[in-house]
N, C-alpha and C. Protein backbone atom coordinates (compact mmCIF):
# COMPACT_ATOMS: atom_id res chain seq x y z
N UNK A 1 -21.55 11.84 -7.48
CA UNK A 1 -22.23 10.87 -7.04
C UNK A 1 -21.78 9.77 -7.94
N UNK A 2 -22.28 8.13 -7.44
CA UNK A 2 -21.47 7.32 -8.33
C UNK A 2 -21.99 6.54 -8.89
N UNK A 3 -21.87 5.95 -9.73
CA UNK A 3 -22.75 5.13 -11.15
C UNK A 3 -22.34 3.55 -10.87
N UNK A 4 -23.22 3.04 -11.52
CA UNK A 4 -22.86 1.68 -11.49
C UNK A 4 -21.88 0.60 -11.82
N UNK A 5 -21.11 1.66 -12.91
CA UNK A 5 -19.98 1.33 -13.59
C UNK A 5 -19.10 1.42 -12.37
N UNK A 6 -19.42 2.54 -11.73
CA UNK A 6 -18.40 3.39 -10.91
C UNK A 6 -17.90 1.65 -9.77
N UNK A 7 -19.13 1.43 -9.37
CA UNK A 7 -19.30 -0.04 -8.39
C UNK A 7 -18.42 -1.05 -9.07
N UNK A 8 -18.71 -1.34 -10.10
CA UNK A 8 -18.63 -2.35 -11.10
C UNK A 8 -16.76 -2.05 -11.17
N UNK A 9 -16.53 -1.08 -11.51
CA UNK A 9 -14.84 -1.06 -11.48
C UNK A 9 -14.21 -1.51 -10.26
N UNK A 10 -14.99 -0.84 -8.80
CA UNK A 10 -14.50 -1.36 -8.02
C UNK A 10 -14.43 -2.48 -7.48
N UNK A 11 -15.68 -3.28 -7.71
CA UNK A 11 -15.57 -4.79 -7.38
C UNK A 11 -14.52 -5.33 -8.52
N UNK A 12 -14.21 -5.14 -9.62
CA UNK A 12 -12.99 -5.93 -10.40
C UNK A 12 -12.04 -5.50 -9.78
N UNK A 13 -11.72 -4.42 -9.39
CA UNK A 13 -10.55 -4.00 -9.08
C UNK A 13 -9.91 -4.82 -7.72
N UNK A 14 -10.84 -5.07 -6.72
CA UNK A 14 -10.73 -5.66 -5.53
C UNK A 14 -10.79 -7.14 -6.01
N UNK A 15 -11.56 -7.97 -6.80
CA UNK A 15 -11.11 -9.22 -7.32
C UNK A 15 -9.74 -9.33 -7.67
N UNK A 16 -9.38 -8.52 -8.70
CA UNK A 16 -8.18 -8.92 -9.08
C UNK A 16 -6.91 -8.59 -8.16
N UNK A 17 -7.23 -7.77 -7.31
CA UNK A 17 -6.26 -7.39 -6.22
C UNK A 17 -6.14 -8.77 -5.08
N UNK A 18 -7.44 -9.40 -5.12
CA UNK A 18 -7.78 -10.64 -4.21
C UNK A 18 -6.61 -11.66 -5.03
N UNK A 19 -6.62 -11.64 -6.28
CA UNK A 19 -6.11 -12.71 -6.90
C UNK A 19 -4.37 -12.37 -6.71
N UNK A 20 -3.97 -10.89 -7.29
CA UNK A 20 -2.37 -10.72 -6.98
C UNK A 20 -2.47 -9.37 -6.85
N UNK A 21 -2.09 -8.96 -5.79
CA UNK A 21 -0.74 -9.36 -4.96
C UNK A 21 -1.49 -10.27 -3.60
N UNK A 22 -2.63 -10.48 -3.79
CA UNK A 22 -3.43 -11.07 -2.56
C UNK A 22 -3.88 -10.46 -1.27
N UNK A 23 -4.62 -11.07 -0.41
CA UNK A 23 -5.12 -10.01 0.76
C UNK A 23 -4.88 -11.06 1.74
N UNK A 24 -5.29 -10.60 3.15
CA UNK A 24 -4.72 -11.64 4.14
C UNK A 24 -6.34 -12.13 4.11
N UNK A 25 -6.07 -13.37 4.00
CA UNK A 25 -7.40 -14.61 3.90
C UNK A 25 -7.03 -15.84 5.05
N UNK A 26 -7.45 -15.76 6.10
CA UNK A 26 -7.76 -16.87 7.28
C UNK A 26 -8.01 -18.41 6.53
N UNK A 27 -8.82 -18.07 5.58
CA UNK A 27 -9.71 -18.82 5.32
C UNK A 27 -8.51 -19.98 4.18
N UNK A 28 -7.93 -19.76 4.25
CA UNK A 28 -6.75 -20.49 3.11
C UNK A 28 -5.54 -20.54 4.44
N UNK A 29 -5.37 -21.32 5.26
CA UNK A 29 -4.51 -21.39 6.10
C UNK A 29 -3.09 -22.06 5.59
N UNK A 30 -2.63 -22.38 4.40
CA UNK A 30 -1.64 -22.50 4.17
C UNK A 30 -0.95 -21.46 3.94
N UNK A 31 -1.13 -20.30 3.27
CA UNK A 31 -0.80 -18.90 3.32
C UNK A 31 -1.10 -17.99 4.05
N UNK A 32 -2.61 -18.14 4.82
CA UNK A 32 -3.17 -17.41 5.14
C UNK A 32 -3.33 -15.87 4.09
N UNK A 33 -3.65 -16.37 2.82
CA UNK A 33 -3.55 -15.02 1.89
C UNK A 33 -4.62 -15.77 0.54
N UNK A 34 -4.74 -14.89 0.01
CA UNK A 34 -6.00 -15.19 -0.76
C UNK A 34 -5.23 -15.03 -2.18
N UNK A 35 -3.73 -15.09 -2.35
CA UNK A 35 -2.86 -14.94 -3.54
C UNK A 35 -2.84 -16.32 -4.30
N UNK A 36 -3.41 -16.00 -5.61
CA UNK A 36 -3.31 -16.92 -6.42
C UNK A 36 -3.24 -16.72 -7.80
N UNK A 37 -1.81 -16.69 -7.72
CA UNK A 37 -1.13 -15.81 -8.79
C UNK A 37 0.53 -16.83 -8.97
N UNK A 38 0.65 -17.33 -10.19
CA UNK A 38 1.74 -17.97 -10.25
C UNK A 38 2.29 -17.70 -11.33
N UNK A 39 1.19 -18.02 -13.01
CA UNK A 39 1.89 -17.63 -14.09
C UNK A 39 1.22 -16.09 -14.06
N UNK A 40 0.38 -15.48 -13.73
CA UNK A 40 -0.62 -14.19 -14.25
C UNK A 40 -1.44 -14.69 -15.24
N UNK A 41 -1.82 -16.21 -15.69
CA UNK A 41 -2.91 -16.46 -16.27
C UNK A 41 -4.36 -15.85 -15.94
N UNK A 42 -4.63 -16.46 -15.00
CA UNK A 42 -5.89 -16.04 -14.19
C UNK A 42 -6.06 -14.74 -13.93
N UNK A 43 -5.59 -14.07 -13.30
CA UNK A 43 -5.64 -12.34 -13.49
C UNK A 43 -5.70 -11.62 -14.58
N UNK A 44 -4.86 -12.45 -15.75
CA UNK A 44 -4.86 -11.65 -17.00
C UNK A 44 -6.25 -11.90 -17.73
N UNK A 45 -6.37 -13.00 -17.56
CA UNK A 45 -7.72 -13.63 -18.50
C UNK A 45 -9.00 -13.08 -17.55
N UNK A 46 -8.73 -12.70 -16.43
CA UNK A 46 -9.83 -12.47 -15.24
C UNK A 46 -10.47 -10.89 -15.88
N UNK A 47 -9.33 -10.45 -15.70
CA UNK A 47 -9.44 -9.05 -16.42
C UNK A 47 -9.42 -8.52 -18.01
N UNK A 48 -9.38 -9.78 -18.65
CA UNK A 48 -9.60 -9.45 -20.75
C UNK A 48 -11.25 -9.87 -20.67
N UNK A 49 -11.58 -10.92 -19.71
CA UNK A 49 -12.67 -11.74 -19.84
C UNK A 49 -14.17 -10.54 -20.21
N UNK A 50 -14.68 -10.89 -21.38
CA UNK A 50 -15.61 -9.71 -21.85
C UNK A 50 -17.04 -9.63 -20.85
N UNK A 51 -17.28 -10.99 -19.94
CA UNK A 51 -18.01 -11.10 -18.49
C UNK A 51 -17.34 -10.28 -17.83
N UNK A 52 -16.30 -9.92 -17.81
CA UNK A 52 -15.76 -9.19 -16.29
C UNK A 52 -15.41 -7.39 -16.82
N UNK A 53 -16.22 -7.19 -18.00
CA UNK A 53 -15.90 -6.19 -18.49
C UNK A 53 -16.70 -5.14 -17.84
N UNK A 54 -16.54 -3.73 -17.35
CA UNK A 54 -17.36 -2.91 -15.91
C UNK A 54 -18.64 -3.10 -16.56
N UNK A 55 -19.11 -2.71 -17.94
CA UNK A 55 -20.52 -2.85 -18.38
C UNK A 55 -20.88 -3.98 -18.31
N UNK A 56 -20.50 -4.90 -17.98
CA UNK A 56 -20.88 -6.41 -17.58
C UNK A 56 -21.46 -6.98 -16.73
N UNK A 57 -21.05 -6.32 -15.74
CA UNK A 57 -20.47 -6.86 -14.24
C UNK A 57 -21.76 -6.78 -12.93
N UNK A 58 -21.98 -5.13 -13.27
CA UNK A 58 -23.18 -4.34 -12.85
C UNK A 58 -24.26 -3.99 -13.23
N UNK A 59 -25.74 -4.43 -12.52
CA UNK A 59 -26.67 -4.09 -13.44
C UNK A 59 -27.87 -3.77 -12.13
N UNK A 60 -29.15 -3.26 -12.73
CA UNK A 60 -29.90 -2.65 -11.91
C UNK A 60 -31.17 -3.63 -12.58
N UNK A 61 -31.79 -4.33 -11.49
CA UNK A 61 -33.42 -5.39 -11.62
C UNK A 61 -33.87 -4.98 -10.71
N UNK A 62 -35.05 -4.42 -11.34
CA UNK A 62 -36.48 -4.09 -10.25
C UNK A 62 -36.03 -3.60 -9.29
N UNK A 63 -35.61 -2.84 -9.26
CA UNK A 63 -34.95 -1.42 -7.94
C UNK A 63 -34.01 -1.89 -7.04
N UNK A 64 -33.13 -3.34 -7.84
CA UNK A 64 -32.06 -3.75 -6.82
C UNK A 64 -30.83 -3.75 -7.58
N UNK A 65 -29.81 -4.07 -7.48
CA UNK A 65 -28.37 -4.15 -7.77
C UNK A 65 -27.87 -5.68 -7.88
N UNK A 66 -27.15 -5.97 -9.01
CA UNK A 66 -26.79 -7.42 -9.35
C UNK A 66 -25.20 -7.50 -9.91
N UNK A 67 -23.97 -7.67 -9.09
CA UNK A 67 -22.90 -7.63 -9.53
C UNK A 67 -22.48 -8.77 -9.74
N UNK A 68 -22.08 -9.15 -10.77
CA UNK A 68 -21.54 -10.60 -11.28
C UNK A 68 -20.53 -10.57 -11.86
N UNK A 69 -19.41 -11.46 -11.59
CA UNK A 69 -18.29 -11.59 -12.08
C UNK A 69 -18.00 -13.10 -12.67
N UNK A 70 -17.18 -13.03 -13.73
CA UNK A 70 -16.89 -14.68 -14.04
C UNK A 70 -15.55 -15.37 -13.31
N UNK A 71 -15.90 -15.99 -12.13
CA UNK A 71 -14.45 -16.54 -11.60
C UNK A 71 -13.72 -17.21 -12.56
N UNK A 72 -14.21 -18.15 -13.67
CA UNK A 72 -13.82 -19.07 -14.46
C UNK A 72 -13.67 -18.71 -15.97
N UNK A 73 -12.88 -17.43 -16.38
CA UNK A 73 -12.73 -16.90 -17.63
C UNK A 73 -11.94 -17.69 -18.97
N UNK A 74 -12.59 -17.69 -19.78
CA UNK A 74 -11.85 -18.65 -20.80
C UNK A 74 -10.37 -18.69 -20.83
N UNK A 75 -9.66 -19.56 -20.90
CA UNK A 75 -8.55 -19.28 -21.08
C UNK A 75 -8.01 -19.91 -19.97
N UNK A 76 -8.70 -19.63 -18.32
CA UNK A 76 -8.14 -19.99 -16.75
C UNK A 76 -9.59 -20.29 -16.09
N UNK A 77 -9.75 -21.46 -17.11
CA UNK A 77 -11.47 -22.14 -16.38
C UNK A 77 -11.14 -22.64 -14.71
N UNK A 78 -9.84 -22.91 -14.45
CA UNK A 78 -9.51 -23.47 -13.31
C UNK A 78 -9.89 -22.59 -12.35
N UNK A 79 -10.08 -21.45 -12.73
CA UNK A 79 -10.40 -20.00 -11.56
C UNK A 79 -11.07 -20.45 -10.57
N UNK A 80 -12.23 -21.13 -11.42
CA UNK A 80 -13.61 -22.30 -10.51
C UNK A 80 -12.95 -23.22 -9.29
N UNK A 81 -11.90 -23.32 -9.70
CA UNK A 81 -11.51 -24.50 -8.49
C UNK A 81 -10.42 -23.55 -6.99
N UNK A 82 -10.03 -22.33 -8.14
CA UNK A 82 -9.52 -21.49 -6.70
C UNK A 82 -10.56 -20.69 -6.03
N UNK A 83 -11.33 -20.49 -6.78
CA UNK A 83 -12.48 -19.67 -6.34
C UNK A 83 -13.27 -20.53 -5.01
N UNK A 84 -13.69 -21.72 -5.65
CA UNK A 84 -14.72 -22.75 -4.60
C UNK A 84 -13.86 -23.68 -4.15
N UNK A 85 -12.28 -23.86 -4.45
CA UNK A 85 -11.57 -25.17 -3.63
C UNK A 85 -11.93 -25.86 -4.87
N UNK A 86 -11.29 -27.12 -4.39
CA UNK A 86 -11.43 -28.29 -5.00
C UNK A 86 -11.90 -29.64 -4.02
N UNK A 87 -12.59 -29.39 -2.73
CA UNK A 87 -13.09 -30.61 -2.36
C UNK A 87 -14.36 -29.84 -1.21
N UNK A 88 -15.40 -30.78 -1.40
CA UNK A 88 -16.58 -30.45 -0.20
C UNK A 88 -16.16 -29.86 0.69
N UNK A 89 -16.74 -28.94 1.36
CA UNK A 89 -16.61 -28.43 2.50
C UNK A 89 -16.32 -29.77 3.42
N UNK A 90 -17.41 -30.48 3.40
CA UNK A 90 -17.55 -31.33 4.49
C UNK A 90 -16.83 -32.90 4.56
N UNK A 91 -15.87 -32.91 3.69
CA UNK A 91 -15.05 -34.08 3.36
C UNK A 91 -14.02 -33.76 3.81
N UNK A 92 -13.12 -35.08 4.49
CA UNK A 92 -11.73 -34.93 4.58
C UNK A 92 -10.86 -35.22 3.50
N UNK A 93 -9.55 -35.13 3.64
CA UNK A 93 -8.74 -35.64 2.64
C UNK A 93 -7.67 -34.33 1.97
N UNK A 94 -7.11 -34.90 0.81
CA UNK A 94 -6.53 -33.35 -0.05
C UNK A 94 -7.30 -32.82 -0.85
N UNK A 95 -6.62 -31.75 -1.09
CA UNK A 95 -7.57 -30.70 -1.86
C UNK A 95 -7.10 -29.36 -1.42
N UNK A 96 -7.41 -28.35 -2.32
CA UNK A 96 -6.90 -27.52 -1.92
C UNK A 96 -8.18 -26.22 -1.83
N UNK A 97 -8.12 -25.74 -0.33
CA UNK A 97 -9.33 -24.77 -0.05
C UNK A 97 -9.59 -23.96 -0.86
N UNK A 98 -11.10 -23.35 -0.37
CA UNK A 98 -11.41 -21.85 -1.38
C UNK A 98 -10.14 -20.97 -1.35
N UNK A 99 -9.89 -19.83 -2.15
CA UNK A 99 -9.88 -18.30 -2.30
C UNK A 99 -10.95 -17.59 -2.65
N UNK A 100 -12.11 -17.54 -2.11
CA UNK A 100 -12.95 -16.88 -3.04
C UNK A 100 -12.72 -15.40 -3.18
N UNK A 101 -11.99 -15.21 -4.09
CA UNK A 101 -11.60 -13.53 -4.33
C UNK A 101 -12.99 -12.76 -5.04
N UNK A 102 -14.30 -13.40 -4.99
CA UNK A 102 -15.20 -12.76 -5.81
C UNK A 102 -15.79 -12.12 -4.27
N UNK A 103 -15.87 -13.23 -3.34
CA UNK A 103 -16.65 -12.77 -1.87
C UNK A 103 -15.92 -11.97 -1.41
N UNK A 104 -14.39 -12.28 -1.40
CA UNK A 104 -13.40 -11.19 -1.00
C UNK A 104 -13.65 -9.86 -1.60
N UNK A 105 -13.56 -9.65 -2.62
CA UNK A 105 -13.60 -8.53 -3.48
C UNK A 105 -15.22 -7.41 -2.88
N UNK A 106 -16.47 -8.71 -2.54
CA UNK A 106 -17.73 -8.40 -2.07
C UNK A 106 -17.94 -7.95 -0.83
N UNK A 107 -16.95 -8.41 0.00
CA UNK A 107 -16.90 -7.84 1.58
C UNK A 107 -15.45 -6.58 1.94
N UNK A 108 -14.83 -6.12 0.38
CA UNK A 108 -13.86 -5.01 0.83
C UNK A 108 -14.58 -3.71 1.51
N UNK A 109 -13.69 -3.15 1.99
CA UNK A 109 -14.47 -1.85 2.36
C UNK A 109 -14.43 -0.76 1.30
N UNK A 110 -13.55 -1.03 0.14
CA UNK A 110 -13.69 -0.11 -1.09
C UNK A 110 -15.05 -0.46 -1.81
N UNK A 111 -15.32 -1.59 -1.93
CA UNK A 111 -16.68 -1.78 -2.78
C UNK A 111 -17.67 -1.57 -1.85
N UNK A 112 -17.59 -1.66 -0.83
CA UNK A 112 -19.16 -1.45 0.69
C UNK A 112 -19.21 -0.06 0.39
N UNK A 113 -18.00 0.81 0.45
CA UNK A 113 -18.34 2.27 0.47
C UNK A 113 -18.45 2.94 -1.06
N UNK A 114 -18.13 2.19 -1.82
CA UNK A 114 -18.48 2.44 -3.56
C UNK A 114 -20.33 2.25 -3.79
N UNK A 115 -20.78 0.92 -3.03
CA UNK A 115 -22.14 0.72 -3.15
C UNK A 115 -22.63 1.56 -2.22
N UNK A 116 -22.43 1.87 -1.17
CA UNK A 116 -23.25 3.09 -0.32
C UNK A 116 -23.29 4.43 -1.07
N UNK A 117 -22.42 4.98 -1.44
CA UNK A 117 -22.39 6.25 -2.06
C UNK A 117 -23.32 6.08 -3.61
N UNK A 118 -23.44 4.92 -4.20
CA UNK A 118 -24.39 4.58 -5.28
C UNK A 118 -26.02 4.56 -4.32
N UNK A 119 -26.11 3.45 -3.42
CA UNK A 119 -27.64 3.88 -3.05
C UNK A 119 -27.60 4.84 -2.13
N UNK A 120 -26.82 5.80 -1.87
CA UNK A 120 -27.51 7.08 -1.06
C UNK A 120 -27.72 7.83 -2.59
N UNK A 121 -27.02 8.22 -3.79
CA UNK A 121 -27.31 9.09 -4.64
C UNK A 121 -29.07 8.74 -5.33
N UNK A 122 -29.02 7.02 -5.51
CA UNK A 122 -30.39 6.91 -5.76
C UNK A 122 -31.43 7.08 -5.02
N UNK A 123 -31.30 7.15 -3.62
CA UNK A 123 -32.15 7.47 -2.69
C UNK A 123 -32.59 8.96 -2.88
N UNK A 124 -31.34 9.88 -2.84
CA UNK A 124 -31.14 11.12 -2.95
C UNK A 124 -32.04 11.56 -4.20
N UNK A 125 -32.21 10.82 -5.11
CA UNK A 125 -32.82 11.04 -6.20
C UNK A 125 -34.62 10.72 -5.88
N UNK A 126 -34.53 10.13 -5.14
CA UNK A 126 -36.27 9.85 -4.51
C UNK A 126 -36.75 10.43 -3.86
N UNK A 127 -35.71 10.66 -2.81
CA UNK A 127 -36.01 11.38 -1.57
C UNK A 127 -36.45 13.20 -1.86
N UNK A 128 -35.52 13.58 -2.69
CA UNK A 128 -35.39 14.98 -2.89
C UNK A 128 -36.80 15.60 -3.74
N UNK A 129 -37.10 15.00 -4.55
CA UNK A 129 -38.72 15.36 -5.06
C UNK A 129 -39.70 15.35 -4.38
N UNK A 130 -39.99 14.35 -3.34
CA UNK A 130 -40.69 14.14 -2.12
C UNK A 130 -40.58 15.20 -1.51
N UNK A 131 -39.84 16.03 -0.84
CA UNK A 131 -39.37 16.71 -0.10
C UNK A 131 -39.85 18.44 -1.06
N UNK A 132 -39.46 18.38 -1.78
CA UNK A 132 -39.73 19.35 -2.69
C UNK A 132 -41.31 19.68 -2.88
N UNK A 133 -42.04 18.33 -3.03
CA UNK A 133 -43.10 18.81 -3.06
C UNK A 133 -44.05 18.72 -1.61
N UNK A 134 -43.24 18.37 -1.12
CA UNK A 134 -43.79 18.95 0.66
C UNK A 134 -43.62 20.08 0.92
N UNK A 135 -42.39 20.77 0.19
CA UNK A 135 -42.45 22.15 0.89
C UNK A 135 -43.42 23.10 0.01
N UNK A 136 -43.69 22.37 -1.43
CA UNK A 136 -44.46 23.39 -2.09
C UNK A 136 -45.72 23.65 -1.16
N UNK A 137 -46.29 22.64 -0.96
CA UNK A 137 -47.15 22.02 0.04
C UNK A 137 -47.65 23.08 1.41
N UNK A 138 -46.43 23.37 1.86
CA UNK A 138 -46.08 24.18 3.08
C UNK A 138 -46.29 25.58 2.78
N UNK A 139 -45.74 25.78 1.89
CA UNK A 139 -45.54 26.99 0.81
C UNK A 139 -46.95 27.33 0.79
N UNK A 140 -48.13 27.18 0.03
CA UNK A 140 -49.01 27.21 -0.49
C UNK A 140 -50.23 27.09 0.91
N UNK A 141 -49.93 26.56 2.01
CA UNK A 141 -50.57 27.12 3.38
C UNK A 141 -50.00 28.04 3.94
N UNK A 142 -48.65 28.72 3.38
CA UNK A 142 -48.80 30.14 4.57
C UNK A 142 -47.53 29.43 5.03
N UNK A 143 -46.96 28.49 5.31
CA UNK A 143 -45.94 28.23 5.97
C UNK A 143 -44.46 28.44 4.99
N UNK A 144 -43.34 28.69 5.91
CA UNK A 144 -42.05 28.78 5.28
C UNK A 144 -40.99 27.82 5.77
N UNK A 145 -40.17 26.83 4.71
CA UNK A 145 -39.66 26.16 5.14
C UNK A 145 -38.45 26.39 4.66
N UNK A 146 -37.29 25.90 5.68
CA UNK A 146 -36.26 26.51 5.45
C UNK A 146 -34.78 25.32 6.20
């Protein structure tokens, strides 16, 4: 069964992979890749940021999950421009289009599978006691449940 830290680890890994070596991304027409790596600074600062530590990324709040990464970690604040782009979507002109490595990570198959495993594990924890109680009640009524 997956833990929230397991899912956070996958999320951080997938975001790092979107930075370098990059994944196919049609939203960035210049290279058709999400790759955002020249010096390695963004990737290094992203991975070493305390806000992007495995225990900091994922949390459970009121029965739902939240996964948050810092796209502009200390020492690589320009990461926000890589992630969001340097111009509003509705304006024409020069500027860099967004390479949203956080969104790419959240859309990845690996992240979705890890999240599904976490959710299914939580559901099992909720449903199993209910089924056990039902089995017990059927047993009291003289029925054998298999």
